[in-house]
Amino acid sequence: TADALVQAANADPDGPLVESRARELLGGLLRSLERRGISAETYLQLTG
């Protein structure tokens, strides 16, 4: 439903907002991997 509303509203954000959120998401992924004892390199290998 949220995605359909995004499409209907023609919302396509870019720039600093997206870059800042991307850094947050990537940082969260790396912290999650660290808690599980998995390095970023291993994760990349496992996921191809």
All heavy atoms as atom14 arrays in JSON, in Angstrom:
{
  "sequence": "TADALVQAANADPDGPLVESRARELLGGLLRSLERRGISAETYLQLTG",
  "atom14_mask": [
    [1, 1, 1, 1, 1, 1, 1, 0, 0, 0, 0, 0, 0, 0],
    [1, 1, 1, 1, 1, 0, 0, 0, 0, 0, 0, 0, 0, 0],
    [1, 1, 1, 1, 1, 1, 1, 1, 0, 0, 0, 0, 0, 0],
    [1, 1, 1, 1, 1, 0, 0, 0, 0, 0, 0, 0, 0, 0],
    [1, 1, 1, 1, 1, 1, 1, 1, 0, 0, 0, 0, 0, 0],
    [1, 1, 1, 1, 1, 1, 1, 0, 0, 0, 0, 0, 0, 0],
    [1, 1, 1, 1, 1, 1, 1, 1, 1, 0, 0, 0, 0, 0],
    [1, 1, 1, 1, 1, 0, 0, 0, 0, 0, 0, 0, 0, 0],
    [1, 1, 1, 1, 1, 0, 0, 0, 0, 0, 0, 0, 0, 0],
    [1, 1, 1, 1, 1, 1, 1, 1, 0, 0, 0, 0, 0, 0],
    [1, 1, 1, 1, 1, 0, 0, 0, 0, 0, 0, 0, 0, 0],
    [1, 1, 1, 1, 1, 1, 1, 1, 0, 0, 0, 0, 0, 0],
    [1, 1, 1, 1, 1, 1, 1, 0, 0, 0, 0, 0, 0, 0],
    [1, 1, 1, 1, 1, 1, 1, 1, 0, 0, 0, 0, 0, 0],
    [1, 1, 1, 1, 0, 0, 0, 0, 0, 0, 0, 0, 0, 0],
    [1, 1, 1, 1, 1, 1, 1, 0, 0, 0, 0, 0, 0, 0],
    [1, 1, 1, 1, 1, 1, 1, 1, 0, 0, 0, 0, 0, 0],
    [1, 1, 1, 1, 1, 1, 1, 0, 0, 0, 0, 0, 0, 0],
    [1, 1, 1, 1, 1, 1, 1, 1, 1, 0, 0, 0, 0, 0],
    [1, 1, 1, 1, 1, 1, 0, 0, 0, 0, 0, 0, 0, 0],
    [1, 1, 1, 1, 1, 1, 1, 1, 1, 1, 1, 0, 0, 0],
    [1, 1, 1, 1, 1, 0, 0, 0, 0, 0, 0, 0, 0, 0],
    [1, 1, 1, 1, 1, 1, 1, 1, 1, 1, 1, 0, 0, 0],
    [1, 1, 1, 1, 1, 1, 1, 1, 1, 0, 0, 0, 0, 0],
    [1, 1, 1, 1, 1, 1, 1, 1, 0, 0, 0, 0, 0, 0],
    [1, 1, 1, 1, 1, 1, 1, 1, 0, 0, 0, 0, 0, 0],
    [1, 1, 1, 1, 0, 0, 0, 0, 0, 0, 0, 0, 0, 0],
    [1, 1, 1, 1, 0, 0, 0, 0, 0, 0, 0, 0, 0, 0],
    [1, 1, 1, 1, 1, 1, 1, 1, 0, 0, 0, 0, 0, 0],
    [1, 1, 1, 1, 1, 1, 1, 1, 0, 0, 0, 0, 0, 0],
    [1, 1, 1, 1, 1, 1, 1, 1, 1, 1, 1, 0, 0, 0],
    [1, 1, 1, 1, 1, 1, 0, 0, 0, 0, 0, 0, 0, 0],
    [1, 1, 1, 1, 1, 1, 1, 1, 0, 0, 0, 0, 0, 0],
    [1, 1, 1, 1, 1, 1, 1, 1, 1, 0, 0, 0, 0, 0],
    [1, 1, 1, 1, 1, 1, 1, 1, 1, 1, 1, 0, 0, 0],
    [1, 1, 1, 1, 1, 1, 1, 1, 1, 1, 1, 0, 0, 0],
    [1, 1, 1, 1, 0, 0, 0, 0, 0, 0, 0, 0, 0, 0],
    [1, 1, 1, 1, 1, 1, 1, 1, 0, 0, 0, 0, 0, 0],
    [1, 1, 1, 1, 1, 1, 0, 0, 0, 0, 0, 0, 0, 0],
    [1, 1, 1, 1, 1, 0, 0, 0, 0, 0, 0, 0, 0, 0],
    [1, 1, 1, 1, 1, 1, 1, 1, 1, 0, 0, 0, 0, 0],
    [1, 1, 1, 1, 1, 1, 1, 0, 0, 0, 0, 0, 0, 0],
    [1, 1, 1, 1, 1, 1, 1, 1, 1, 1, 1, 1, 0, 0],
    [1, 1, 1, 1, 1, 1, 1, 1, 0, 0, 0, 0, 0, 0],
    [1, 1, 1, 1, 1, 1, 1, 1, 1, 0, 0, 0, 0, 0],
    [1, 1, 1, 1, 1, 1, 1, 1, 0, 0, 0, 0, 0, 0],
    [1, 1, 1, 1, 1, 1, 1, 0, 0, 0, 0, 0, 0, 0],
    [1, 1, 1, 1, 0, 0, 0, 0, 0, 0, 0, 0, 0, 0]
  ],
  "atom14_positions": [
    [[0.83, -1.2, 0.0], [0.0, 0.0, 0.0], [0.86, 1.25, 0.0], [0.63, 2.2, -0.76], [-0.92, 0.01, 1.24], [-1.81, -1.12, 1.17], [-1.74, 1.28, 1.3], [0.0, 0.0, 0.0], [0.0, 0.0, 0.0], [0.0, 0.0, 0.0], [0.0, 0.0, 0.0], [0.0, 0.0, 0.0], [0.0, 0.0, 0.0], [0.0, 0.0, 0.0]],
    [[1.89, 1.27, 0.85], [2.8, 2.42, 0.89], [3.5, 2.6, -0.45], [3.64, 3.73, -0.94], [3.82, 2.23, 2.01], [0.0, 0.0, 0.0], [0.0, 0.0, 0.0], [0.0, 0.0, 0.0], [0.0, 0.0, 0.0], [0.0, 0.0, 0.0], [0.0, 0.0, 0.0], [0.0, 0.0, 0.0], [0.0, 0.0, 0.0], [0.0, 0.0, 0.0]],
    [[3.92, 1.49, -1.07], [4.61, 1.58, -2.36], [3.66, 2.06, -3.45], [4.07, 2.81, -4.35], [5.21, 0.23, -2.73], [6.4, -0.13, -1.85], [6.98, 0.79, -1.26], [6.73, -1.32, -1.75], [0.0, 0.0, 0.0], [0.0, 0.0, 0.0], [0.0, 0.0, 0.0], [0.0, 0.0, 0.0], [0.0, 0.0, 0.0], [0.0, 0.0, 0.0]],
    [[2.4, 1.62, -3.41], [1.42, 2.08, -4.39], [1.19, 3.58, -4.25], [1.04, 4.3, -5.25], [0.11, 1.31, -4.23], [0.0, 0.0, 0.0], [0.0, 0.0, 0.0], [0.0, 0.0, 0.0], [0.0, 0.0, 0.0], [0.0, 0.0, 0.0], [0.0, 0.0, 0.0], [0.0, 0.0, 0.0], [0.0, 0.0, 0.0], [0.0, 0.0, 0.0]],
    [[1.17, 4.06, -3.02], [0.98, 5.5, -2.79], [2.19, 6.28, -3.28], [2.05, 7.36, -3.86], [0.74, 5.75, -1.3], [0.2, 7.13, -0.93], [-1.19, 7.33, -1.52], [0.15, 7.3, 0.59], [0.0, 0.0, 0.0], [0.0, 0.0, 0.0], [0.0, 0.0, 0.0], [0.0, 0.0, 0.0], [0.0, 0.0, 0.0], [0.0, 0.0, 0.0]],
    [[3.38, 5.73, -3.07], [4.61, 6.37, -3.57], [4.54, 6.5, -5.08], [4.86, 7.54, -5.66], [5.85, 5.55, -3.15], [7.08, 5.99, -3.94], [6.11, 5.7, -1.65], [0.0, 0.0, 0.0], [0.0, 0.0, 0.0], [0.0, 0.0, 0.0], [0.0, 0.0, 0.0], [0.0, 0.0, 0.0], [0.0, 0.0, 0.0], [0.0, 0.0, 0.0]],
    [[4.14, 5.42, -5.75], [4.06, 5.44, -7.21], [3.01, 6.43, -7.68], [3.25, 7.2, -8.62], [3.75, 4.05, -7.74], [3.75, 3.98, -9.26], [3.42, 2.59, -9.78], [2.9, 1.76, -9.03], [3.7, 2.34, -11.04], [0.0, 0.0, 0.0], [0.0, 0.0, 0.0], [0.0, 0.0, 0.0], [0.0, 0.0, 0.0], [0.0, 0.0, 0.0]],
    [[1.86, 6.43, -7.04], [0.79, 7.32, -7.46], [1.15, 8.79, -7.23], [0.74, 9.66, -7.99], [-0.51, 6.98, -6.71], [0.0, 0.0, 0.0], [0.0, 0.0, 0.0], [0.0, 0.0, 0.0], [0.0, 0.0, 0.0], [0.0, 0.0, 0.0], [0.0, 0.0, 0.0], [0.0, 0.0, 0.0], [0.0, 0.0, 0.0], [0.0, 0.0, 0.0]],
    [[1.94, 9.05, -6.17], [2.34, 10.43, -5.88], [3.59, 10.84, -6.66], [4.02, 11.98, -6.59], [2.61, 10.58, -4.38], [0.0, 0.0, 0.0], [0.0, 0.0, 0.0], [0.0, 0.0, 0.0], [0.0, 0.0, 0.0], [0.0, 0.0, 0.0], [0.0, 0.0, 0.0], [0.0, 0.0, 0.0], [0.0, 0.0, 0.0], [0.0, 0.0, 0.0]],
    [[4.17, 9.87, -7.39], [5.37, 10.13, -8.18], [6.5, 10.67, -7.3], [7.23, 11.59, -7.68], [5.1, 11.11, -9.32], [6.15, 11.03, -10.41], [6.9, 10.07, -10.47], [6.21, 12.04, -11.25], [0.0, 0.0, 0.0], [0.0, 0.0, 0.0], [0.0, 0.0, 0.0], [0.0, 0.0, 0.0], [0.0, 0.0, 0.0], [0.0, 0.0, 0.0]],
    [[6.63, 10.08, -6.11], [7.67, 10.5, -5.17], [8.97, 9.78, -5.5], [9.01, 8.55, -5.52], [7.25, 10.18, -3.74], [0.0, 0.0, 0.0], [0.0, 0.0, 0.0], [0.0, 0.0, 0.0], [0.0, 0.0, 0.0], [0.0, 0.0, 0.0], [0.0, 0.0, 0.0], [0.0, 0.0, 0.0], [0.0, 0.0, 0.0], [0.0, 0.0, 0.0]],
    [[10.01, 10.54, -5.77], [11.3, 9.96, -6.13], [12.41, 10.77, -5.47], [13.09, 11.57, -6.11], [11.48, 9.95, -7.65], [12.74, 9.21, -8.07], [13.23, 8.38, -7.27], [13.25, 9.47, -9.17], [0.0, 0.0, 0.0], [0.0, 0.0, 0.0], [0.0, 0.0, 0.0], [0.0, 0.0, 0.0], [0.0, 0.0, 0.0], [0.0, 0.0, 0.0]],
    [[12.61, 10.58, -4.17], [13.61, 11.39, -3.44], [15.03, 11.02, -3.85], [15.3, 9.91, -4.3], [13.34, 11.03, -1.98], [12.79, 9.64, -2.04], [11.96, 9.59, -3.29], [0.0, 0.0, 0.0], [0.0, 0.0, 0.0], [0.0, 0.0, 0.0], [0.0, 0.0, 0.0], [0.0, 0.0, 0.0], [0.0, 0.0, 0.0], [0.0, 0.0, 0.0]],
    [[15.91, 11.97, -3.68], [17.32, 11.74, -3.98], [18.13, 12.75, -3.19], [17.57, 13.57, -2.45], [17.58, 11.88, -5.48], [18.76, 11.02, -5.93], [19.54, 10.59, -5.06], [18.89, 10.78, -7.14], [0.0, 0.0, 0.0], [0.0, 0.0, 0.0], [0.0, 0.0, 0.0], [0.0, 0.0, 0.0], [0.0, 0.0, 0.0], [0.0, 0.0, 0.0]],
    [[19.42, 12.69, -3.33], [20.28, 13.68, -2.68], [20.61, 13.33, -1.25], [20.61, 12.16, -0.85], [0.0, 0.0, 0.0], [0.0, 0.0, 0.0], [0.0, 0.0, 0.0], [0.0, 0.0, 0.0], [0.0, 0.0, 0.0], [0.0, 0.0, 0.0], [0.0, 0.0, 0.0], [0.0, 0.0, 0.0], [0.0, 0.0, 0.0], [0.0, 0.0, 0.0]],
    [[20.87, 14.35, -0.42], [21.36, 14.12, 0.95], [20.45, 13.26, 1.81], [20.94, 12.48, 2.63], [21.45, 15.55, 1.52], [21.62, 16.43, 0.33], [20.83, 15.79, -0.76], [0.0, 0.0, 0.0], [0.0, 0.0, 0.0], [0.0, 0.0, 0.0], [0.0, 0.0, 0.0], [0.0, 0.0, 0.0], [0.0, 0.0, 0.0], [0.0, 0.0, 0.0]],
    [[19.13, 13.4, 1.65], [18.23, 12.57, 2.45], [18.46, 11.1, 2.2], [18.55, 10.3, 3.14], [16.77, 12.92, 2.12], [16.11, 14.06, 2.89], [14.7, 14.27, 2.4], [16.11, 13.78, 4.38], [0.0, 0.0, 0.0], [0.0, 0.0, 0.0], [0.0, 0.0, 0.0], [0.0, 0.0, 0.0], [0.0, 0.0, 0.0], [0.0, 0.0, 0.0]],
    [[18.55, 10.73, 0.93], [18.74, 9.33, 0.59], [20.14, 8.87, 0.99], [20.31, 7.77, 1.53], [18.51, 9.11, -0.92], [18.89, 7.69, -1.33], [17.05, 9.38, -1.28], [0.0, 0.0, 0.0], [0.0, 0.0, 0.0], [0.0, 0.0, 0.0], [0.0, 0.0, 0.0], [0.0, 0.0, 0.0], [0.0, 0.0, 0.0], [0.0, 0.0, 0.0]],
    [[21.14, 9.7, 0.76], [22.5, 9.32, 1.11], [22.64, 9.11, 2.61], [23.3, 8.16, 3.06], [23.49, 10.41, 0.63], [23.52, 10.61, -0.87], [23.88, 9.33, -1.62], [24.65, 8.51, -1.06], [23.38, 9.13, -2.74], [0.0, 0.0, 0.0], [0.0, 0.0, 0.0], [0.0, 0.0, 0.0], [0.0, 0.0, 0.0], [0.0, 0.0, 0.0]],
    [[22.03, 9.99, 3.4], [22.09, 9.85, 4.85], [21.4, 8.56, 5.31], [21.93, 7.82, 6.15], [21.43, 11.06, 5.53], [21.37, 10.89, 6.93], [0.0, 0.0, 0.0], [0.0, 0.0, 0.0], [0.0, 0.0, 0.0], [0.0, 0.0, 0.0], [0.0, 0.0, 0.0], [0.0, 0.0, 0.0], [0.0, 0.0, 0.0], [0.0, 0.0, 0.0]],
    [[20.23, 8.26, 4.73], [19.51, 7.04, 5.1], [20.31, 5.81, 4.66], [20.34, 4.8, 5.38], [18.13, 7.04, 4.45], [17.26, 5.81, 4.8], [16.96, 5.73, 6.28], [16.36, 6.94, 6.77], [15.05, 7.23, 6.66], [14.23, 6.36, 6.08], [14.58, 8.35, 7.14], [0.0, 0.0, 0.0], [0.0, 0.0, 0.0], [0.0, 0.0, 0.0]],
    [[20.95, 5.87, 3.51], [21.76, 4.74, 3.04], [22.9, 4.46, 4.0], [23.22, 3.3, 4.31], [22.29, 5.02, 1.63], [0.0, 0.0, 0.0], [0.0, 0.0, 0.0], [0.0, 0.0, 0.0], [0.0, 0.0, 0.0], [0.0, 0.0, 0.0], [0.0, 0.0, 0.0], [0.0, 0.0, 0.0], [0.0, 0.0, 0.0], [0.0, 0.0, 0.0]],
    [[23.54, 5.53, 4.51], [24.61, 5.33, 5.48], [24.09, 4.7, 6.76], [24.74, 3.84, 7.36], [25.29, 6.67, 5.78], [26.17, 7.2, 4.65], [27.05, 8.36, 5.13], [26.26, 9.51, 5.53], [25.89, 10.48, 4.7], [26.23, 10.42, 3.41], [25.18, 11.51, 5.13], [0.0, 0.0, 0.0], [0.0, 0.0, 0.0], [0.0, 0.0, 0.0]],
    [[22.89, 5.11, 7.19], [22.29, 4.53, 8.38], [22.02, 3.04, 8.18], [22.31, 2.22, 9.06], [20.97, 5.24, 8.71], [21.13, 6.67, 9.2], [19.77, 7.34, 9.4], [18.75, 6.62, 9.35], [19.73, 8.56, 9.6], [0.0, 0.0, 0.0], [0.0, 0.0, 0.0], [0.0, 0.0, 0.0], [0.0, 0.0, 0.0], [0.0, 0.0, 0.0]],
    [[21.46, 2.68, 7.02], [21.13, 1.28, 6.75], [22.39, 0.44, 6.66], [22.43, -0.68, 7.2], [20.33, 1.18, 5.45], [18.93, 1.79, 5.46], [18.31, 1.73, 4.06], [18.03, 1.05, 6.45], [0.0, 0.0, 0.0], [0.0, 0.0, 0.0], [0.0, 0.0, 0.0], [0.0, 0.0, 0.0], [0.0, 0.0, 0.0], [0.0, 0.0, 0.0]],
    [[23.41, 0.95, 5.98], [24.65, 0.2, 5.85], [25.33, 0.03, 7.2], [25.83, -1.05, 7.53], [25.59, 0.91, 4.86], [26.89, 0.17, 4.53], [26.59, -1.21, 3.94], [27.72, 0.99, 3.56], [0.0, 0.0, 0.0], [0.0, 0.0, 0.0], [0.0, 0.0, 0.0], [0.0, 0.0, 0.0], [0.0, 0.0, 0.0], [0.0, 0.0, 0.0]],
    [[25.32, 1.1, 8.01], [25.89, 1.01, 9.34], [25.15, -0.01, 10.2], [25.77, -0.78, 10.95], [0.0, 0.0, 0.0], [0.0, 0.0, 0.0], [0.0, 0.0, 0.0], [0.0, 0.0, 0.0], [0.0, 0.0, 0.0], [0.0, 0.0, 0.0], [0.0, 0.0, 0.0], [0.0, 0.0, 0.0], [0.0, 0.0, 0.0], [0.0, 0.0, 0.0]],
    [[23.82, -0.04, 10.09], [23.04, -1.02, 10.84], [23.36, -2.44, 10.42], [23.44, -3.35, 11.26], [0.0, 0.0, 0.0], [0.0, 0.0, 0.0], [0.0, 0.0, 0.0], [0.0, 0.0, 0.0], [0.0, 0.0, 0.0], [0.0, 0.0, 0.0], [0.0, 0.0, 0.0], [0.0, 0.0, 0.0], [0.0, 0.0, 0.0], [0.0, 0.0, 0.0]],
    [[23.54, -2.66, 9.11], [23.89, -4.0, 8.62], [25.24, -4.43, 9.16], [25.4, -5.56, 9.64], [23.9, -3.99, 7.1], [24.45, -5.27, 6.43], [23.59, -6.47, 6.78], [24.54, -5.1, 4.92], [0.0, 0.0, 0.0], [0.0, 0.0, 0.0], [0.0, 0.0, 0.0], [0.0, 0.0, 0.0], [0.0, 0.0, 0.0], [0.0, 0.0, 0.0]],
    [[26.23, -3.53, 9.12], [27.57, -3.88, 9.58], [27.57, -4.17, 11.08], [28.26, -5.1, 11.54], [28.54, -2.74, 9.26], [28.79, -2.48, 7.76], [29.71, -1.29, 7.57], [29.37, -3.72, 7.09], [0.0, 0.0, 0.0], [0.0, 0.0, 0.0], [0.0, 0.0, 0.0], [0.0, 0.0, 0.0], [0.0, 0.0, 0.0], [0.0, 0.0, 0.0]],
    [[26.81, -3.4, 11.85], [26.74, -3.66, 13.3], [26.07, -5.0, 13.57], [26.48, -5.74, 14.47], [25.99, -2.53, 14.0], [26.78, -1.23, 14.09], [26.11, -0.24, 15.02], [24.8, 0.18, 14.51], [24.61, 1.18, 13.66], [25.64, 1.88, 13.22], [23.4, 1.51, 13.26], [0.0, 0.0, 0.0], [0.0, 0.0, 0.0], [0.0, 0.0, 0.0]],
    [[25.06, -5.33, 12.79], [24.37, -6.61, 12.95], [25.31, -7.77, 12.64], [25.34, -8.78, 13.36], [23.15, -6.67, 12.03], [22.55, -7.95, 12.04], [0.0, 0.0, 0.0], [0.0, 0.0, 0.0], [0.0, 0.0, 0.0], [0.0, 0.0, 0.0], [0.0, 0.0, 0.0], [0.0, 0.0, 0.0], [0.0, 0.0, 0.0], [0.0, 0.0, 0.0]],
    [[26.1, -7.64, 11.57], [27.06, -8.68, 11.22], [28.12, -8.83, 12.31], [28.5, -9.95, 12.66], [27.73, -8.34, 9.88], [26.83, -8.38, 8.64], [27.61, -7.89, 7.42], [26.3, -9.79, 8.39], [0.0, 0.0, 0.0], [0.0, 0.0, 0.0], [0.0, 0.0, 0.0], [0.0, 0.0, 0.0], [0.0, 0.0, 0.0], [0.0, 0.0, 0.0]],
    [[28.57, -7.7, 12.85], [29.59, -7.74, 13.89], [29.09, -8.47, 15.13], [29.83, -9.26, 15.74], [30.02, -6.31, 14.24], [31.17, -6.25, 15.24], [31.59, -4.82, 15.55], [31.06, -3.89, 14.9], [32.44, -4.63, 16.43], [0.0, 0.0, 0.0], [0.0, 0.0, 0.0], [0.0, 0.0, 0.0], [0.0, 0.0, 0.0], [0.0, 0.0, 0.0]],
    [[27.83, -8.23, 15.49], [27.26, -8.92, 16.67], [27.21, -10.42, 16.44], [27.29, -11.19, 17.39], [25.86, -8.38, 16.97], [25.85, -6.99, 17.58], [24.49, -6.67, 18.16], [23.45, -6.63, 17.15], [23.1, -5.54, 16.47], [23.72, -4.4, 16.71], [22.14, -5.59, 15.57], [0.0, 0.0, 0.0], [0.0, 0.0, 0.0], [0.0, 0.0, 0.0]],
    [[27.07, -10.84, 15.2], [26.99, -12.27, 14.88], [28.35, -12.86, 14.54], [28.45, -14.03, 14.16], [26.03, -12.48, 13.71], [24.58, -12.16, 14.06], [23.78, -11.69, 12.88], [23.8, -12.61, 11.76], [23.36, -12.3, 10.54], [22.9, -11.08, 10.31], [23.39, -13.19, 9.59], [0.0, 0.0, 0.0], [0.0, 0.0, 0.0], [0.0, 0.0, 0.0]],
    [[29.41, -12.03, 14.66], [30.75, -12.53, 14.4], [31.07, -12.74, 12.94], [31.9, -13.59, 12.6], [0.0, 0.0, 0.0], [0.0, 0.0, 0.0], [0.0, 0.0, 0.0], [0.0, 0.0, 0.0], [0.0, 0.0, 0.0], [0.0, 0.0, 0.0], [0.0, 0.0, 0.0], [0.0, 0.0, 0.0], [0.0, 0.0, 0.0], [0.0, 0.0, 0.0]],
    [[30.4, -12.0, 12.06], [30.61, -12.15, 10.62], [31.24, -10.87, 10.08], [30.73, -9.77, 10.32], [29.28, -12.42, 9.89], [28.62, -13.68, 10.46], [29.5, -12.57, 8.39], [27.23, -13.94, 9.9], [0.0, 0.0, 0.0], [0.0, 0.0, 0.0], [0.0, 0.0, 0.0], [0.0, 0.0, 0.0], [0.0, 0.0, 0.0], [0.0, 0.0, 0.0]],
    [[32.34, -11.01, 9.37], [32.98, -9.84, 8.78], [32.25, -9.42, 7.52], [31.52, -10.21, 6.91], [34.44, -10.14, 8.44], [34.52, -11.07, 7.37], [0.0, 0.0, 0.0], [0.0, 0.0, 0.0], [0.0, 0.0, 0.0], [0.0, 0.0, 0.0], [0.0, 0.0, 0.0], [0.0, 0.0, 0.0], [0.0, 0.0, 0.0], [0.0, 0.0, 0.0]],
    [[32.46, -8.16, 7.13], [31.83, -7.67, 5.9], [32.31, -8.47, 4.69], [31.52, -8.76, 3.78], [32.14, -6.18, 5.72], [0.0, 0.0, 0.0], [0.0, 0.0, 0.0], [0.0, 0.0, 0.0], [0.0, 0.0, 0.0], [0.0, 0.0, 0.0], [0.0, 0.0, 0.0], [0.0, 0.0, 0.0], [0.0, 0.0, 0.0], [0.0, 0.0, 0.0]],
    [[33.59, -8.84, 4.68], [34.13, -9.6, 3.55], [33.46, -10.97, 3.45], [33.1, -11.42, 2.36], [35.65, -9.78, 3.72], [36.46, -8.5, 3.58], [36.36, -7.61, 4.83], [35.87, -8.11, 5.87], [36.75, -6.43, 4.75], [0.0, 0.0, 0.0], [0.0, 0.0, 0.0], [0.0, 0.0, 0.0], [0.0, 0.0, 0.0], [0.0, 0.0, 0.0]],
    [[33.27, -11.63, 4.6], [32.6, -12.94, 4.59], [31.17, -12.81, 4.1], [30.68, -13.64, 3.33], [32.63, -13.55, 6.0], [33.98, -13.7, 6.43], [31.94, -14.9, 6.02], [0.0, 0.0, 0.0], [0.0, 0.0, 0.0], [0.0, 0.0, 0.0], [0.0, 0.0, 0.0], [0.0, 0.0, 0.0], [0.0, 0.0, 0.0], [0.0, 0.0, 0.0]],
    [[30.48, -11.76, 4.56], [29.1, -11.54, 4.13], [29.02, -11.37, 2.61], [28.14, -11.94, 1.96], [28.53, -10.3, 4.83], [27.16, -9.9, 4.34], [26.01, -10.56, 4.79], [27.0, -8.86, 3.43], [24.76, -10.2, 4.34], [25.75, -8.48, 2.98], [24.63, -9.17, 3.43], [23.38, -8.81, 2.97], [0.0, 0.0, 0.0], [0.0, 0.0, 0.0]],
    [[29.93, -10.6, 2.05], [29.93, -10.39, 0.6], [30.18, -11.71, -0.14], [29.55, -11.98, -1.17], [30.99, -9.36, 0.21], [30.74, -7.92, 0.69], [31.94, -7.03, 0.35], [29.48, -7.35, 0.06], [0.0, 0.0, 0.0], [0.0, 0.0, 0.0], [0.0, 0.0, 0.0], [0.0, 0.0, 0.0], [0.0, 0.0, 0.0], [0.0, 0.0, 0.0]],
    [[31.07, -12.53, 0.41], [31.34, -13.82, -0.22], [30.13, -14.74, -0.15], [29.78, -15.4, -1.13], [32.55, -14.48, 0.45], [33.89, -13.77, 0.19], [35.03, -14.4, 0.97], [34.83, -15.31, 1.76], [36.24, -13.88, 0.75], [0.0, 0.0, 0.0], [0.0, 0.0, 0.0], [0.0, 0.0, 0.0], [0.0, 0.0, 0.0], [0.0, 0.0, 0.0]],
    [[29.5, -14.79, 1.02], [28.34, -15.67, 1.2], [27.17, -15.27, 0.31], [26.41, -16.12, -0.16], [27.91, -15.67, 2.67], [28.87, -16.31, 3.67], [28.39, -16.1, 5.1], [29.01, -17.81, 3.39], [0.0, 0.0, 0.0], [0.0, 0.0, 0.0], [0.0, 0.0, 0.0], [0.0, 0.0, 0.0], [0.0, 0.0, 0.0], [0.0, 0.0, 0.0]],
    [[27.0, -13.97, 0.1], [25.86, -13.49, -0.7], [26.21, -13.3, -2.16], [25.33, -12.99, -2.97], [25.35, -12.15, -0.13], [26.42, -11.19, -0.12], [24.82, -12.32, 1.29], [0.0, 0.0, 0.0], [0.0, 0.0, 0.0], [0.0, 0.0, 0.0], [0.0, 0.0, 0.0], [0.0, 0.0, 0.0], [0.0, 0.0, 0.0], [0.0, 0.0, 0.0]],
    [[27.5, -13.49, -2.5], [27.91, -13.3, -3.89], [27.71, -11.88, -4.37], [27.34, -11.64, -5.52], [0.0, 0.0, 0.0], [0.0, 0.0, 0.0], [0.0, 0.0, 0.0], [0.0, 0.0, 0.0], [0.0, 0.0, 0.0], [0.0, 0.0, 0.0], [0.0, 0.0, 0.0], [0.0, 0.0, 0.0], [0.0, 0.0, 0.0], [0.0, 0.0, 0.0]]
  ]
}
